[in-house]
C-alpha atoms as a PDB file:
ATOM      1  CA  MET A   1     -94.296  38.065  44.776  1.00  0.00           C
ATOM      2  CA  ARG A   2     -94.129  40.505  41.981  1.00  0.00           C
ATOM      3  CA  LEU A   3     -93.799  39.124  38.592  1.00  0.00           C
ATOM      4  CA  GLU A   4     -90.780  40.784  37.595  1.00  0.00           C
ATOM      5  CA  GLU A   5     -89.109  39.696  40.824  1.00  0.00           C
ATOM      6  CA  GLU A   6     -90.138  36.011  39.953  1.00  0.00           C
ATOM      7  CA  LYS A   7     -88.664  36.191  36.517  1.00  0.00           C
ATOM      8  CA  ARG A   8     -85.453  37.592  38.150  1.00  0.00           C
ATOM      9  CA  ARG A   9     -85.183  34.724  40.583  1.00  0.00           C
ATOM     10  CA  LEU A  10     -85.877  32.085  38.021  1.00  0.00           C
ATOM     11  CA  ARG A  11     -83.169  33.548  35.532  1.00  0.00           C
ATOM     12  CA  GLU A  12     -80.598  33.570  38.234  1.00  0.00           C
ATOM     13  CA  ILE A  13     -81.603  29.881  39.245  1.00  0.00           C
ATOM     14  CA  ILE A  14     -81.213  28.599  35.692  1.00  0.00           C
ATOM     15  CA  TRP A  15     -77.779  30.607  35.066  1.00  0.00           C
ATOM     16  CA  SER A  16     -76.409  29.279  38.405  1.00  0.00           C
ATOM     17  CA  GLU A  17     -77.433  25.817  37.700  1.00  0.00           C
ATOM     18  CA  MET A  18     -76.178  25.701  34.118  1.00  0.00           C
ATOM     19  CA  MET A  19     -72.673  27.067  35.264  1.00  0.00           C
ATOM     20  CA  ARG A  20     -72.704  24.487  38.191  1.00  0.00           C
ATOM     21  CA  ARG A  21     -73.449  21.584  36.120  1.00  0.00           C
ATOM     22  CA  GLY A  22     -70.908  22.442  33.522  1.00  0.00           C
ATOM     23  CA  VAL A  23     -73.586  22.541  30.489  1.00  0.00           C
ATOM     24  CA  ALA A  24     -73.108  26.185  29.923  1.00  0.00           C
ATOM     25  CA  LEU A  25     -70.714  27.139  26.959  1.00  0.00           C
ATOM     26  CA  PRO A  26     -68.886  30.419  26.053  1.00  0.00           C
ATOM     27  CA  PRO A  27     -69.439  33.149  26.049  1.00  0.00           C
ATOM     28  CA  LEU A  28     -69.078  32.700  29.910  1.00  0.00           C
ATOM     29  CA  PRO A  29     -70.440  33.504  32.545  1.00  0.00           C
ATOM     30  CA  CYS A  30     -73.744  32.835  31.041  1.00  0.00           C
ATOM     31  CA  ARG A  31     -75.473  35.306  33.485  1.00  0.00           C
ATOM     32  CA  GLY A  32     -77.248  38.163  31.841  1.00  0.00           C
ATOM     33  CA  ARG A  33     -77.237  36.221  28.578  1.00  0.00           C
ATOM     34  CA  ILE A  34     -79.329  33.865  26.672  1.00  0.00           C
ATOM     35  CA  PRO A  35     -77.007  31.086  27.692  1.00  0.00           C
ATOM     36  CA  ASN A  36     -75.207  28.960  25.030  1.00  0.00           C
ATOM     37  CA  PHE A  37     -75.229  25.329  26.014  1.00  0.00           C
ATOM     38  CA  VAL A  38     -74.001  21.708  25.275  1.00  0.00           C
ATOM     39  CA  GLY A  39     -76.103  20.211  22.667  1.00  0.00           C
ATOM     40  CA  ALA A  40     -77.142  23.275  21.082  1.00  0.00           C
ATOM     41  CA  ASP A  41     -76.409  22.028  17.621  1.00  0.00           C
ATOM     42  CA  VAL A  42     -78.680  18.830  18.354  1.00  0.00           C
ATOM     43  CA  ALA A  43     -81.409  20.973  19.538  1.00  0.00           C
ATOM     44  CA  ALA A  44     -81.235  23.007  16.334  1.00  0.00           C
ATOM     45  CA  ARG A  45     -81.489  19.912  14.324  1.00  0.00           C
ATOM     46  CA  ASN A  46     -84.493  18.799  16.095  1.00  0.00           C
ATOM     47  CA  LEU A  47     -86.376  21.739  14.680  1.00  0.00           C
ATOM     48  CA  ARG A  48     -86.317  19.646  11.299  1.00  0.00           C
ATOM     49  CA  GLN A  49     -88.976  17.742  12.862  1.00  0.00           C
ATOM     50  CA  ILE A  50     -91.406  20.762  12.582  1.00  0.00           C
ATOM     51  CA  ARG A  51     -93.554  20.829   9.428  1.00  0.00           C
ATOM     52  CA  GLU A  52     -93.676  24.674   9.752  1.00  0.00           C
ATOM     53  CA  TYR A  53     -89.980  24.858   9.654  1.00  0.00           C
ATOM     54  CA  LEU A  54     -89.501  22.497   6.822  1.00  0.00           C
ATOM     55  CA  GLU A  55     -92.220  24.378   4.841  1.00  0.00           C
ATOM     56  CA  ALA A  56     -90.647  27.831   5.898  1.00  0.00           C
ATOM     57  CA  LYS A  57     -88.834  30.132   3.359  1.00  0.00           C
ATOM     58  CA  VAL A  58     -88.126  32.856   5.643  1.00  0.00           C
ATOM     59  CA  VAL A  59     -87.119  32.296   8.986  1.00  0.00           C
ATOM     60  CA  LEU A  60     -86.667  34.591  11.852  1.00  0.00           C
ATOM     61  CA  VAL A  61     -83.714  33.803  14.286  1.00  0.00           C
ATOM     62  CA  ASN A  62     -82.518  35.847  17.280  1.00  0.00           C
ATOM     63  CA  PRO A  63     -78.942  36.839  17.308  1.00  0.00           C
ATOM     64  CA  ASP A  64     -77.687  34.988  20.566  1.00  0.00           C
ATOM     65  CA  SER A  65     -74.949  32.465  20.703  1.00  0.00           C
ATOM     66  CA  PRO A  66     -76.943  29.111  21.235  1.00  0.00           C
ATOM     67  CA  GLN A  67     -79.002  29.943  17.951  1.00  0.00           C
ATOM     68  CA  LEU A  68     -75.920  30.295  15.623  1.00  0.00           C
ATOM     69  CA  HIS A  69     -76.571  26.691  15.019  1.00  0.00           C
ATOM     70  CA  VAL A  70     -80.057  27.366  14.089  1.00  0.00           C
ATOM     71  CA  ARG A  71     -79.180  30.378  11.765  1.00  0.00           C
ATOM     72  CA  ARG A  72     -76.402  27.925  10.044  1.00  0.00           C
ATOM     73  CA  MET A  73     -78.840  25.246   9.562  1.00  0.00           C
ATOM     74  CA  ALA A  74     -81.317  27.482   8.139  1.00  0.00           C
ATOM     75  CA  LEU A  75     -79.043  29.043   5.573  1.00  0.00           C
ATOM     76  CA  LEU A  76     -77.948  25.405   4.524  1.00  0.00           C
ATOM     77  CA  ASP A  77     -81.487  24.273   4.130  1.00  0.00           C
ATOM     78  CA  GLY A  78     -81.856  27.116   1.564  1.00  0.00           C
ATOM     79  CA  LYS A  79     -83.996  29.345   3.865  1.00  0.00           C
ATOM     80  CA  THR A  80     -83.721  33.119   4.026  1.00  0.00           C
ATOM     81  CA  VAL A  81     -82.693  34.044   7.580  1.00  0.00           C
ATOM     82  CA  VAL A  82     -83.759  37.468   9.230  1.00  0.00           C
ATOM     83  CA  MET A  83     -81.663  38.182  12.175  1.00  0.00           C
ATOM     84  CA  PRO A  84     -82.605  41.085  14.614  1.00  0.00           C
ATOM     85  CA  THR A  85     -79.638  43.266  15.167  1.00  0.00           C
ATOM     86  CA  PRO A  86     -78.682  43.149  18.857  1.00  0.00           C
ATOM     87  CA  ARG A  87     -81.155  45.196  20.816  1.00  0.00           C
ATOM     88  CA  LEU A  88     -82.770  46.236  17.572  1.00  0.00           C
ATOM     89  CA  ARG A  89     -80.379  48.912  17.526  1.00  0.00           C
ATOM     90  CA  GLN A  90     -79.766  48.677  13.701  1.00  0.00           C
ATOM     91  CA  GLY A  91     -82.867  47.072  12.867  1.00  0.00           C
ATOM     92  CA  PHE A  92     -82.769  43.692  10.933  1.00  0.00           C
ATOM     93  CA  LEU A  93     -80.294  41.661   8.853  1.00  0.00           C
ATOM     94  CA  VAL A  94     -81.489  39.601   5.821  1.00  0.00           C
ATOM     95  CA  LEU A  95     -79.391  36.768   4.960  1.00  0.00           C
ATOM     96  CA  VAL A  96     -80.248  35.085   1.375  1.00  0.00           C
ATOM     97  CA  PRO A  97     -78.251  31.713   0.807  1.00  0.00           C
ATOM     98  CA  GLY A  98     -77.915  32.506  -2.771  1.00  0.00           C
ATOM     99  CA  ARG A  99     -76.177  35.629  -2.034  1.00  0.00           C
ATOM    100  CA  ILE A 100     -73.616  34.269   0.588  1.00  0.00           C
ATOM    101  CA  GLY A 101     -72.022  31.405  -1.594  1.00  0.00           C
ATOM    102  CA  GLY A 102     -69.599  29.398   0.552  1.00  0.00           C
ATOM    103  CA  LYS A 103     -69.593  31.784   3.615  1.00  0.00           C
ATOM    104  CA  VAL A 104     -72.429  30.352   5.371  1.00  0.00           C
ATOM    105  CA  ASP A 105     -70.199  29.587   8.709  1.00  0.00           C
ATOM    106  CA  GLU A 106     -69.170  33.331   8.836  1.00  0.00           C
ATOM    107  CA  ALA A 107     -72.501  34.571   7.845  1.00  0.00           C
ATOM    108  CA  CYS A 108     -74.438  32.935  10.515  1.00  0.00           C
ATOM    109  CA  THR A 109     -72.328  34.733  13.177  1.00  0.00           C
ATOM    110  CA  ILE A 110     -73.318  38.307  14.331  1.00  0.00           C
ATOM    111  CA  LYS A 111     -70.020  39.896  12.690  1.00  0.00           C
ATOM    112  CA  GLY A 112     -70.505  37.865   9.469  1.00  0.00           C
ATOM    113  CA  ALA A 113     -74.254  38.791   9.392  1.00  0.00           C
ATOM    114  CA  PHE A 114     -73.502  42.372   9.286  1.00  0.00           C
ATOM    115  CA  LYS A 115     -70.959  41.605   6.346  1.00  0.00           C
ATOM    116  CA  HIS A 116     -73.258  39.452   4.253  1.00  0.00           C
ATOM    117  CA  GLY A 117     -76.639  40.436   5.284  1.00  0.00           C
ATOM    118  CA  LEU A 118     -78.822  43.207   3.713  1.00  0.00           C
ATOM    119  CA  ARG A 119     -79.706  45.423   6.451  1.00  0.00           C
ATOM    120  CA  VAL A 120     -83.520  46.538   6.674  1.00  0.00           C
ATOM    121  CA  LYS A 121     -85.322  48.834   9.114  1.00  0.00           C
ATOM    122  CA  GLU A 122     -88.526  46.923   8.854  1.00  0.00           C
ATOM    123  CA  MET A 123     -88.890  43.249   9.657  1.00  0.00           C
ATOM    124  CA  PRO A 124     -89.986  41.277   6.548  1.00  0.00           C
ATOM    125  CA  GLU A 125     -92.870  38.863   6.826  1.00  0.00           C
ATOM    126  CA  VAL A 126     -91.505  35.567   8.121  1.00  0.00           C
ATOM    127  CA  ASP A 127     -92.829  31.932   7.755  1.00  0.00           C
ATOM    128  CA  PHE A 128     -91.212  30.659  11.354  1.00  0.00           C
ATOM    129  CA  ILE A 129     -89.784  32.094  14.315  1.00  0.00           C
ATOM    130  CA  VAL A 130     -86.945  30.797  16.460  1.00  0.00           C
ATOM    131  CA  GLU A 131     -86.091  32.526  19.819  1.00  0.00           C
ATOM    132  CA  GLY A 132     -83.729  32.042  22.592  1.00  0.00           C
ATOM    133  CA  SER A 133     -84.829  31.625  26.367  1.00  0.00           C
ATOM    134  CA  VAL A 134     -83.315  31.541  29.734  1.00  0.00           C
ATOM    135  CA  ALA A 135     -86.458  29.134  30.830  1.00  0.00           C
ATOM    136  CA  VAL A 136     -89.306  27.773  29.083  1.00  0.00           C
ATOM    137  CA  ASP A 137     -92.327  25.704  30.545  1.00  0.00           C
ATOM    138  CA  LEU A 138     -94.330  22.897  29.080  1.00  0.00           C
ATOM    139  CA  GLU A 139     -97.322  25.319  28.469  1.00  0.00           C
ATOM    140  CA  GLY A 140     -94.810  27.286  26.093  1.00  0.00           C
ATOM    141  CA  ASN A 141     -94.260  30.232  28.674  1.00  0.00           C
ATOM    142  CA  ARG A 142     -90.755  31.763  27.739  1.00  0.00           C
ATOM    143  CA  LEU A 143     -88.521  33.680  29.682  1.00  0.00           C
ATOM    144  CA  GLY A 144     -85.787  35.960  27.914  1.00  0.00           C
ATOM    145  CA  LYS A 145     -82.906  37.537  29.579  1.00  0.00           C
ATOM    146  CA  GLY A 146     -84.892  40.565  30.799  1.00  0.00           C
ATOM    147  CA  GLY A 147     -84.617  43.065  27.945  1.00  0.00           C
ATOM    148  CA  GLY A 148     -87.979  42.469  26.401  1.00  0.00           C
ATOM    149  CA  TYR A 149     -86.575  42.130  22.872  1.00  0.00           C
ATOM    150  CA  GLY A 150     -87.770  38.483  22.115  1.00  0.00           C
ATOM    151  CA  ASP A 151     -91.470  39.458  22.810  1.00  0.00           C
ATOM    152  CA  VAL A 152     -91.014  42.693  20.649  1.00  0.00           C
ATOM    153  CA  GLU A 153     -89.674  40.519  17.705  1.00  0.00           C
ATOM    154  CA  ILE A 154     -92.542  37.864  18.050  1.00  0.00           C
ATOM    155  CA  GLU A 155     -94.974  40.830  18.157  1.00  0.00           C
ATOM    156  CA  MET A 156     -93.612  42.450  15.161  1.00  0.00           C
ATOM    157  CA  ALA A 157     -93.680  39.147  13.167  1.00  0.00           C
ATOM    158  CA  LYS A 158     -97.117  38.228  14.406  1.00  0.00           C
ATOM    159  CA  SER A 159     -98.369  41.802  13.202  1.00  0.00           C
ATOM    160  CA  ARG A 160     -97.717  40.677   9.631  1.00  0.00           C
ATOM    161  CA  ARG A 161     -98.724  37.028   9.927  1.00  0.00           C
ATOM    162  CA  PRO A 162    -100.684  36.103  13.232  1.00  0.00           C
ATOM    163  CA  ASP A 163    -100.480  32.409  12.745  1.00  0.00           C
ATOM    164  CA  VAL A 164     -96.650  32.281  12.567  1.00  0.00           C
ATOM    165  CA  LYS A 165     -95.350  29.624  14.754  1.00  0.00           C
ATOM    166  CA  VAL A 166     -92.631  30.185  17.292  1.00  0.00           C
ATOM    167  CA  ALA A 167     -89.911  27.789  18.604  1.00  0.00           C
ATOM    168  CA  THR A 168     -87.130  28.030  21.192  1.00  0.00           C
ATOM    169  CA  THR A 169     -84.044  25.797  21.473  1.00  0.00           C
ATOM    170  CA  VAL A 170     -82.928  25.320  24.902  1.00  0.00           C
ATOM    171  CA  HIS A 171     -81.032  22.847  27.154  1.00  0.00           C
ATOM    172  CA  THR A 172     -83.151  20.404  29.241  1.00  0.00           C
ATOM    173  CA  ILE A 173     -82.080  22.178  32.369  1.00  0.00           C
ATOM    174  CA  GLN A 174     -83.972  25.258  31.177  1.00  0.00           C
ATOM    175  CA  VAL A 175     -87.300  23.444  30.863  1.00  0.00           C
ATOM    176  CA  VAL A 176     -88.940  24.152  34.004  1.00  0.00           C
ATOM    177  CA  GLU A 177     -92.311  23.297  35.921  1.00  0.00           C
ATOM    178  CA  ARG A 178     -93.392  27.075  35.648  1.00  0.00           C
ATOM    179  CA  VAL A 179     -92.425  30.197  34.007  1.00  0.00           C
ATOM    180  CA  PRO A 180     -93.934  33.255  35.424  1.00  0.00           C
ATOM    181  CA  ALA A 181     -95.766  35.033  32.510  1.00  0.00           C
ATOM    182  CA  GLY A 182     -97.746  38.335  32.019  1.00  0.00           C
ATOM    183  CA  GLU A 183    -100.689  38.978  29.774  1.00  0.00           C
ATOM    184  CA  LYS A 184     -98.192  40.661  27.333  1.00  0.00           C
ATOM    185  CA  ASP A 185     -95.655  37.778  27.070  1.00  0.00           C
ATOM    186  CA  PHE A 186     -95.925  35.557  24.144  1.00  0.00           C
ATOM    187  CA  LYS A 187     -95.701  31.710  24.269  1.00  0.00           C
ATOM    188  CA  VAL A 188     -93.573  29.579  22.149  1.00  0.00           C
ATOM    189  CA  ASP A 189     -95.259  26.540  20.152  1.00  0.00           C
ATOM    190  CA  TYR A 190     -92.316  24.278  20.163  1.00  0.00           C
ATOM    191  CA  ILE A 191     -89.514  23.489  22.516  1.00  0.00           C
ATOM    192  CA  ALA A 192     -86.351  21.785  21.074  1.00  0.00           C
ATOM    193  CA  THR A 193     -83.820  20.420  23.473  1.00  0.00           C
ATOM    194  CA  GLU A 194     -80.755  18.204  22.971  1.00  0.00           C
ATOM    195  CA  ARG A 195     -82.785  15.159  23.688  1.00  0.00           C
ATOM    196  CA  GLU A 196     -86.264  15.786  22.253  1.00  0.00           C
ATOM    197  CA  LEU A 197     -88.805  18.179  20.329  1.00  0.00           C
ATOM    198  CA  LEU A 198     -91.905  19.047  22.580  1.00  0.00           C
ATOM    199  CA  VAL A 199     -95.061  20.545  21.431  1.00  0.00           C
ATOM    200  CA  ALA A 200     -96.301  23.004  23.818  1.00  0.00           C
ATOM    201  CA  ALA A 201     -99.878  23.646  24.594  1.00  0.00           C
ATOM    202  CA  SER A 202    -102.250  25.275  26.979  1.00  0.00           C
ATOM    203  CA  SER A 203    -103.511  21.548  28.070  1.00  0.00           C
ATOM    204  CA  SER A 204    -100.897  19.181  27.219  1.00  0.00           C
ATOM    205  CA  THR A 205     -97.366  18.697  25.985  1.00  0.00           C
ATOM    206  CA  ARG A 206     -96.486  15.568  23.924  1.00  0.00           C
ATOM    207  CA  ARG A 207     -93.311  14.431  22.157  1.00  0.00           C
ATOM    208  CA  ALA A 208     -93.468  15.380  18.542  1.00  0.00           C
ATOM    209  CA  HIS A 209     -93.058  12.860  15.748  1.00  0.00           C
ATOM    210  CA  PRO A 210     -90.874  13.753  12.686  1.00  0.00           C
ATOM    211  CA  ALA A 211     -93.083  15.452   9.760  1.00  0.00           C
END
């Protein structure tokens, strides 16, 4: 089976299963999206177990709905958030906590980020990356919604800082046995779910302990 067909089939399975089990949250239906999910806020908080997140001053976070909780948490943690605009059409939005004041809840939304963020064409250097996923496996292979923008964003960040770590926040349902991946697909280093934090590796995956 061709790689793209394998990816398409896995996306459809995940989207259907999340709807069937009632764990998908608005915007609905989740098909064609990085799916929002029950427990996305808890998954975001599990990122605080990661040393690289705690030490990061600038965090790149995708603009999709489930990662709103990550953007909000990072701002409340005093970190600058770099948010790609949808489909990278308008570059990047840089959200600086000190310039937002008490408007964090508004600023972490897409509409609010455009209002409160500084728009830049080039991605700034970042210390940590959080990407959304449709599916991910324990080796760190990640499947997006099909546009390829997540991989582009990771590639751009790693061109500035090759050692930058990548995390994804997903529902447990989205962690699967195998994600089909090509040579140009980037892996994630951490998988945060509503239950736990996993450290992905080519040979093994173990539960992470608080930093």
